[in-house]
Amino acid sequence: MRTMPLATRLPEDLTRTLSRVCETLGLRKNFVIESALREKTEELLDASELNLAVRNATGFHDWQKVKAAPRRPRR
């Protein structure tokens, strides 16, 4: 897989924590950051798709609103 550099600025305490965790667990920072970004982007996409599905759904209606709605005559 081809890679590209990504430069970003992070809070100092977060970078210190990341360094300490990686050193303690014997992990590479690139691995941890890539894993976290993949997981977060998947979460964001899932949330976006769920939001769209909820907006397009018509199957659930609040019972109080259904009960209070005027009845339509049967044909």
PDB file of N, CA and C in Angstrom:
ATOM      1  N   MET A   1       0.843  -1.167   0.000  1.00  0.00           N
ATOM      2  CA  MET A   1       0.000   0.000   0.000  1.00  0.00           C
ATOM      3  C   MET A   1       0.896   1.240   0.000  1.00  0.00           C
ATOM      4  N   ARG A   2       0.582   2.178  -0.871  1.00  0.00           N
ATOM      5  CA  ARG A   2       1.346   3.432  -0.901  1.00  0.00           C
ATOM      6  C   ARG A   2       0.999   4.269   0.312  1.00  0.00           C
ATOM      7  N   THR A   3       1.950   5.020   0.776  1.00  0.00           N
ATOM      8  CA  THR A   3       1.704   5.900   1.920  1.00  0.00           C
ATOM      9  C   THR A   3       2.018   7.340   1.534  1.00  0.00           C
ATOM     10  N   MET A   4       1.454   8.253   2.301  1.00  0.00           N
ATOM     11  CA  MET A   4       1.688   9.685   2.111  1.00  0.00           C
ATOM     12  C   MET A   4       1.940  10.299   3.483  1.00  0.00           C
ATOM     13  N   PRO A   5       2.745  11.317   3.535  1.00  0.00           N
ATOM     14  CA  PRO A   5       2.946  11.989   4.829  1.00  0.00           C
ATOM     15  C   PRO A   5       1.710  12.806   5.202  1.00  0.00           C
ATOM     16  N   LEU A   6       1.474  12.904   6.495  1.00  0.00           N
ATOM     17  CA  LEU A   6       0.368  13.704   7.014  1.00  0.00           C
ATOM     18  C   LEU A   6       0.910  14.509   8.180  1.00  0.00           C
ATOM     19  N   ALA A   7       0.892  15.794   8.052  1.00  0.00           N
ATOM     20  CA  ALA A   7       1.400  16.660   9.122  1.00  0.00           C
ATOM     21  C   ALA A   7       0.213  17.280   9.853  1.00  0.00           C
ATOM     22  N   THR A   8       0.274  17.255  11.163  1.00  0.00           N
ATOM     23  CA  THR A   8      -0.781  17.861  11.967  1.00  0.00           C
ATOM     24  C   THR A   8      -0.188  18.343  13.279  1.00  0.00           C
ATOM     25  N   ARG A   9      -0.895  19.224  13.932  1.00  0.00           N
ATOM     26  CA  ARG A   9      -0.445  19.725  15.226  1.00  0.00           C
ATOM     27  C   ARG A   9      -1.386  19.162  16.281  1.00  0.00           C
ATOM     28  N   LEU A  10      -0.807  18.568  17.317  1.00  0.00           N
ATOM     29  CA  LEU A  10      -1.583  17.965  18.395  1.00  0.00           C
ATOM     30  C   LEU A  10      -1.206  18.604  19.722  1.00  0.00           C
ATOM     31  N   PRO A  11      -2.114  18.545  20.688  1.00  0.00           N
ATOM     32  CA  PRO A  11      -1.780  19.077  22.011  1.00  0.00           C
ATOM     33  C   PRO A  11      -0.573  18.343  22.605  1.00  0.00           C
ATOM     34  N   GLU A  12       0.246  19.094  23.309  1.00  0.00           N
ATOM     35  CA  GLU A  12       1.488  18.553  23.866  1.00  0.00           C
ATOM     36  C   GLU A  12       1.233  17.376  24.796  1.00  0.00           C
ATOM     37  N   ASP A  13       0.195  17.469  25.627  1.00  0.00           N
ATOM     38  CA  ASP A  13      -0.074  16.375  26.564  1.00  0.00           C
ATOM     39  C   ASP A  13      -0.464  15.096  25.829  1.00  0.00           C
ATOM     40  N   LEU A  14      -1.174  15.219  24.712  1.00  0.00           N
ATOM     41  CA  LEU A  14      -1.563  14.045  23.934  1.00  0.00           C
ATOM     42  C   LEU A  14      -0.349  13.384  23.290  1.00  0.00           C
ATOM     43  N   THR A  15       0.549  14.181  22.756  1.00  0.00           N
ATOM     44  CA  THR A  15       1.740  13.599  22.126  1.00  0.00           C
ATOM     45  C   THR A  15       2.637  12.928  23.166  1.00  0.00           C
ATOM     46  N   ARG A  16       2.728  13.508  24.374  1.00  0.00           N
ATOM     47  CA  ARG A  16       3.513  12.874  25.435  1.00  0.00           C
ATOM     48  C   ARG A  16       2.876  11.549  25.853  1.00  0.00           C
ATOM     49  N   THR A  17       1.558  11.545  25.994  1.00  0.00           N
ATOM     50  CA  THR A  17       0.847  10.321  26.363  1.00  0.00           C
ATOM     51  C   THR A  17       1.019   9.254  25.293  1.00  0.00           C
ATOM     52  N   LEU A  18       0.893   9.636  24.038  1.00  0.00           N
ATOM     53  CA  LEU A  18       1.071   8.690  22.937  1.00  0.00           C
ATOM     54  C   LEU A  18       2.474   8.095  22.962  1.00  0.00           C
ATOM     55  N   SER A  19       3.460   8.930  23.140  1.00  0.00           N
ATOM     56  CA  SER A  19       4.841   8.442  23.200  1.00  0.00           C
ATOM     57  C   SER A  19       5.033   7.466  24.354  1.00  0.00           C
ATOM     58  N   ARG A  20       4.497   7.818  25.517  1.00  0.00           N
ATOM     59  CA  ARG A  20       4.641   6.966  26.696  1.00  0.00           C
ATOM     60  C   ARG A  20       3.936   5.621  26.499  1.00  0.00           C
ATOM     61  N   VAL A  21       2.725   5.649  25.949  1.00  0.00           N
ATOM     62  CA  VAL A  21       1.968   4.415  25.715  1.00  0.00           C
ATOM     63  C   VAL A  21       2.695   3.528  24.708  1.00  0.00           C
ATOM     64  N   CYS A  22       3.149   4.121  23.622  1.00  0.00           N
ATOM     65  CA  CYS A  22       3.849   3.344  22.592  1.00  0.00           C
ATOM     66  C   CYS A  22       5.126   2.729  23.138  1.00  0.00           C
ATOM     67  N   GLU A  23       5.858   3.486  23.931  1.00  0.00           N
ATOM     68  CA  GLU A  23       7.097   2.967  24.507  1.00  0.00           C
ATOM     69  C   GLU A  23       6.808   1.840  25.493  1.00  0.00           C
ATOM     70  N   THR A  24       5.788   2.033  26.314  1.00  0.00           N
ATOM     71  CA  THR A  24       5.433   1.025  27.317  1.00  0.00           C
ATOM     72  C   THR A  24       4.969  -0.277  26.668  1.00  0.00           C
ATOM     73  N   LEU A  25       4.149  -0.161  25.626  1.00  0.00           N
ATOM     74  CA  LEU A  25       3.566  -1.343  24.995  1.00  0.00           C
ATOM     75  C   LEU A  25       4.371  -1.862  23.806  1.00  0.00           C
ATOM     76  N   GLY A  26       5.405  -1.144  23.445  1.00  0.00           N
ATOM     77  CA  GLY A  26       6.231  -1.571  22.323  1.00  0.00           C
ATOM     78  C   GLY A  26       5.536  -1.417  20.984  1.00  0.00           C
ATOM     79  N   LEU A  27       4.745  -0.374  20.850  1.00  0.00           N
ATOM     80  CA  LEU A  27       4.016  -0.114  19.611  1.00  0.00           C
ATOM     81  C   LEU A  27       4.647   1.031  18.839  1.00  0.00           C
ATOM     82  N   ARG A  28       4.408   1.057  17.539  1.00  0.00           N
ATOM     83  CA  ARG A  28       4.864   2.177  16.713  1.00  0.00           C
ATOM     84  C   ARG A  28       3.770   3.245  16.687  1.00  0.00           C
ATOM     85  N   LYS A  29       4.176   4.494  16.758  1.00  0.00           N
ATOM     86  CA  LYS A  29       3.203   5.594  16.737  1.00  0.00           C
ATOM     87  C   LYS A  29       2.383   5.569  15.453  1.00  0.00           C
ATOM     88  N   ASN A  30       3.038   5.314  14.316  1.00  0.00           N
ATOM     89  CA  ASN A  30       2.300   5.280  13.047  1.00  0.00           C
ATOM     90  C   ASN A  30       1.169   4.265  13.090  1.00  0.00           C
ATOM     91  N   PHE A  31       1.434   3.083  13.658  1.00  0.00           N
ATOM     92  CA  PHE A  31       0.415   2.042  13.754  1.00  0.00           C
ATOM     93  C   PHE A  31      -0.761   2.508  14.597  1.00  0.00           C
ATOM     94  N   VAL A  32      -0.462   3.088  15.760  1.00  0.00           N
ATOM     95  CA  VAL A  32      -1.512   3.532  16.679  1.00  0.00           C
ATOM     96  C   VAL A  32      -2.347   4.637  16.037  1.00  0.00           C
ATOM     97  N   ILE A  33      -1.690   5.604  15.421  1.00  0.00           N
ATOM     98  CA  ILE A  33      -2.405   6.725  14.802  1.00  0.00           C
ATOM     99  C   ILE A  33      -3.242   6.244  13.621  1.00  0.00           C
ATOM    100  N   GLU A  34      -2.674   5.374  12.781  1.00  0.00           N
ATOM    101  CA  GLU A  34      -3.428   4.855  11.638  1.00  0.00           C
ATOM    102  C   GLU A  34      -4.651   4.066  12.104  1.00  0.00           C
ATOM    103  N   SER A  35      -4.475   3.227  13.105  1.00  0.00           N
ATOM    104  CA  SER A  35      -5.601   2.438  13.631  1.00  0.00           C
ATOM    105  C   SER A  35      -6.698   3.347  14.177  1.00  0.00           C
ATOM    106  N   ALA A  36      -6.293   4.359  14.931  1.00  0.00           N
ATOM    107  CA  ALA A  36      -7.264   5.278  15.519  1.00  0.00           C
ATOM    108  C   ALA A  36      -8.020   6.050  14.439  1.00  0.00           C
ATOM    109  N   LEU A  37      -7.301   6.512  13.409  1.00  0.00           N
ATOM    110  CA  LEU A  37      -7.955   7.253  12.336  1.00  0.00           C
ATOM    111  C   LEU A  37      -8.910   6.377  11.530  1.00  0.00           C
ATOM    112  N   ARG A  38      -8.503   5.149  11.266  1.00  0.00           N
ATOM    113  CA  ARG A  38      -9.397   4.229  10.546  1.00  0.00           C
ATOM    114  C   ARG A  38     -10.674   3.969  11.337  1.00  0.00           C
ATOM    115  N   GLU A  39     -10.524   3.719  12.636  1.00  0.00           N
ATOM    116  CA  GLU A  39     -11.677   3.454  13.487  1.00  0.00           C
ATOM    117  C   GLU A  39     -12.598   4.674  13.561  1.00  0.00           C
ATOM    118  N   LYS A  40     -12.019   5.848  13.747  1.00  0.00           N
ATOM    119  CA  LYS A  40     -12.827   7.063  13.881  1.00  0.00           C
ATOM    120  C   LYS A  40     -13.550   7.400  12.579  1.00  0.00           C
ATOM    121  N   THR A  41     -12.862   7.284  11.438  1.00  0.00           N
ATOM    122  CA  THR A  41     -13.526   7.593  10.170  1.00  0.00           C
ATOM    123  C   THR A  41     -14.654   6.602   9.902  1.00  0.00           C
ATOM    124  N   GLU A  42     -14.470   5.346  10.282  1.00  0.00           N
ATOM    125  CA  GLU A  42     -15.545   4.354  10.121  1.00  0.00           C
ATOM    126  C   GLU A  42     -16.747   4.728  10.992  1.00  0.00           C
ATOM    127  N   GLU A  43     -16.483   5.133  12.231  1.00  0.00           N
ATOM    128  CA  GLU A  43     -17.554   5.571  13.136  1.00  0.00           C
ATOM    129  C   GLU A  43     -18.315   6.753  12.549  1.00  0.00           C
ATOM    130  N   LEU A  44     -17.582   7.739  12.039  1.00  0.00           N
ATOM    131  CA  LEU A  44     -18.224   8.924  11.473  1.00  0.00           C
ATOM    132  C   LEU A  44     -19.081   8.579  10.267  1.00  0.00           C
ATOM    133  N   LEU A  45     -18.579   7.704   9.403  1.00  0.00           N
ATOM    134  CA  LEU A  45     -19.363   7.281   8.238  1.00  0.00           C
ATOM    135  C   LEU A  45     -20.606   6.502   8.657  1.00  0.00           C
ATOM    136  N   ASP A  46     -20.463   5.605   9.641  1.00  0.00           N
ATOM    137  CA  ASP A  46     -21.613   4.854  10.139  1.00  0.00           C
ATOM    138  C   ASP A  46     -22.666   5.785  10.729  1.00  0.00           C
ATOM    139  N   ALA A  47     -22.224   6.773  11.504  1.00  0.00           N
ATOM    140  CA  ALA A  47     -23.154   7.722  12.109  1.00  0.00           C
ATOM    141  C   ALA A  47     -23.863   8.534  11.035  1.00  0.00           C
ATOM    142  N   SER A  48     -23.138   8.912   9.995  1.00  0.00           N
ATOM    143  CA  SER A  48     -23.731   9.676   8.904  1.00  0.00           C
ATOM    144  C   SER A  48     -24.779   8.846   8.164  1.00  0.00           C
ATOM    145  N   GLU A  49     -24.447   7.575   7.892  1.00  0.00           N
ATOM    146  CA  GLU A  49     -25.395   6.688   7.213  1.00  0.00           C
ATOM    147  C   GLU A  49     -26.620   6.433   8.076  1.00  0.00           C
ATOM    148  N   LEU A  50     -26.434   6.270   9.386  1.00  0.00           N
ATOM    149  CA  LEU A  50     -27.558   6.066  10.291  1.00  0.00           C
ATOM    150  C   LEU A  50     -28.451   7.297  10.315  1.00  0.00           C
ATOM    151  N   ASN A  51     -27.843   8.468  10.375  1.00  0.00           N
ATOM    152  CA  ASN A  51     -28.603   9.710  10.380  1.00  0.00           C
ATOM    153  C   ASN A  51     -29.448   9.831   9.112  1.00  0.00           C
ATOM    154  N   LEU A  52     -28.867   9.513   7.971  1.00  0.00           N
ATOM    155  CA  LEU A  52     -29.593   9.554   6.710  1.00  0.00           C
ATOM    156  C   LEU A  52     -30.735   8.548   6.714  1.00  0.00           C
ATOM    157  N   ALA A  53     -30.493   7.345   7.211  1.00  0.00           N
ATOM    158  CA  ALA A  53     -31.531   6.315   7.259  1.00  0.00           C
ATOM    159  C   ALA A  53     -32.687   6.747   8.158  1.00  0.00           C
ATOM    160  N   VAL A  54     -32.368   7.367   9.286  1.00  0.00           N
ATOM    161  CA  VAL A  54     -33.417   7.822  10.201  1.00  0.00           C
ATOM    162  C   VAL A  54     -34.248   8.922   9.542  1.00  0.00           C
ATOM    163  N   ARG A  55     -33.578   9.830   8.838  1.00  0.00           N
ATOM    164  CA  ARG A  55     -34.318  10.902   8.164  1.00  0.00           C
ATOM    165  C   ARG A  55     -35.223  10.364   7.068  1.00  0.00           C
ATOM    166  N   ASN A  56     -34.808   9.271   6.421  1.00  0.00           N
ATOM    167  CA  ASN A  56     -35.597   8.717   5.328  1.00  0.00           C
ATOM    168  C   ASN A  56     -36.615   7.680   5.777  1.00  0.00           C
ATOM    169  N   ALA A  57     -36.530   7.236   7.018  1.00  0.00           N
ATOM    170  CA  ALA A  57     -37.425   6.193   7.513  1.00  0.00           C
ATOM    171  C   ALA A  57     -38.815   6.757   7.781  1.00  0.00           C
ATOM    172  N   THR A  58     -39.806   5.930   7.548  1.00  0.00           N
ATOM    173  CA  THR A  58     -41.175   6.344   7.838  1.00  0.00           C
ATOM    174  C   THR A  58     -41.888   5.314   8.691  1.00  0.00           C
ATOM    175  N   GLY A  59     -41.195   4.282   9.133  1.00  0.00           N
ATOM    176  CA  GLY A  59     -41.826   3.177   9.836  1.00  0.00           C
ATOM    177  C   GLY A  59     -42.187   3.448  11.281  1.00  0.00           C
ATOM    178  N   PHE A  60     -41.563   4.397  11.961  1.00  0.00           N
ATOM    179  CA  PHE A  60     -41.831   4.625  13.374  1.00  0.00           C
ATOM    180  C   PHE A  60     -42.461   5.993  13.571  1.00  0.00           C
ATOM    181  N   HIS A  61     -43.568   6.006  14.278  1.00  0.00           N
ATOM    182  CA  HIS A  61     -44.243   7.251  14.626  1.00  0.00           C
ATOM    183  C   HIS A  61     -44.597   7.191  16.098  1.00  0.00           C
ATOM    184  N   ASP A  62     -44.425   8.285  16.804  1.00  0.00           N
ATOM    185  CA  ASP A  62     -44.744   8.366  18.213  1.00  0.00           C
ATOM    186  C   ASP A  62     -46.225   8.035  18.427  1.00  0.00           C
ATOM    187  N   TRP A  63     -46.511   7.136  19.351  1.00  0.00           N
ATOM    188  CA  TRP A  63     -47.881   6.671  19.559  1.00  0.00           C
ATOM    189  C   TRP A  63     -48.814   7.814  19.934  1.00  0.00           C
ATOM    190  N   GLN A  64     -48.376   8.748  20.751  1.00  0.00           N
ATOM    191  CA  GLN A  64     -49.240   9.862  21.150  1.00  0.00           C
ATOM    192  C   GLN A  64     -49.653  10.701  19.940  1.00  0.00           C
ATOM    193  N   LYS A  65     -48.738  10.895  18.997  1.00  0.00           N
ATOM    194  CA  LYS A  65     -49.060  11.667  17.795  1.00  0.00           C
ATOM    195  C   LYS A  65     -50.010  10.892  16.891  1.00  0.00           C
ATOM    196  N   VAL A  66     -49.807   9.593  16.792  1.00  0.00           N
ATOM    197  CA  VAL A  66     -50.698   8.768  15.967  1.00  0.00           C
ATOM    198  C   VAL A  66     -52.092   8.769  16.572  1.00  0.00           C
ATOM    199  N   LYS A  67     -52.175   8.613  17.878  1.00  0.00           N
ATOM    200  CA  LYS A  67     -53.450   8.569  18.585  1.00  0.00           C
ATOM    201  C   LYS A  67     -54.197   9.896  18.458  1.00  0.00           C
ATOM    202  N   ALA A  68     -53.460  11.011  18.488  1.00  0.00           N
ATOM    203  CA  ALA A  68     -54.076  12.335  18.441  1.00  0.00           C
ATOM    204  C   ALA A  68     -54.410  12.792  17.020  1.00  0.00           C
ATOM    205  N   ALA A  69     -53.859  12.118  16.021  1.00  0.00           N
ATOM    206  CA  ALA A  69     -54.101  12.548  14.645  1.00  0.00           C
ATOM    207  C   ALA A  69     -55.563  12.325  14.255  1.00  0.00           C
ATOM    208  N   PRO A  70     -56.115  13.259  13.482  1.00  0.00           N
ATOM    209  CA  PRO A  70     -57.501  13.084  13.036  1.00  0.00           C
ATOM    210  C   PRO A  70     -57.609  11.848  12.132  1.00  0.00           C
ATOM    211  N   ARG A  71     -58.716  11.140  12.293  1.00  0.00           N
ATOM    212  CA  ARG A  71     -58.908   9.936  11.495  1.00  0.00           C
ATOM    213  C   ARG A  71     -59.373  10.307  10.099  1.00  0.00           C
ATOM    214  N   ARG A  72     -58.849   9.555   9.135  1.00  0.00           N
ATOM    215  CA  ARG A  72     -59.289   9.750   7.751  1.00  0.00           C
ATOM    216  C   ARG A  72     -60.456   8.806   7.497  1.00  0.00           C
ATOM    217  N   PRO A  73     -61.416   9.253   6.764  1.00  0.00           N
ATOM    218  CA  PRO A  73     -62.545   8.361   6.462  1.00  0.00           C
ATOM    219  C   PRO A  73     -62.098   7.186   5.612  1.00  0.00           C
ATOM    220  N   ARG A  74     -62.691   6.026   5.880  1.00  0.00           N
ATOM    221  CA  ARG A  74     -62.384   4.836   5.081  1.00  0.00           C
ATOM    222  C   ARG A  74     -63.129   4.904   3.769  1.00  0.00           C
ATOM    223  N   ARG A  75     -62.531   4.343   2.741  1.00  0.00           N
ATOM    224  CA  ARG A  75     -63.208   4.334   1.428  1.00  0.00           C
ATOM    225  C   ARG A  75     -63.745   2.995   1.129  1.00  0.00           C
TER     226      ARG A  75
END
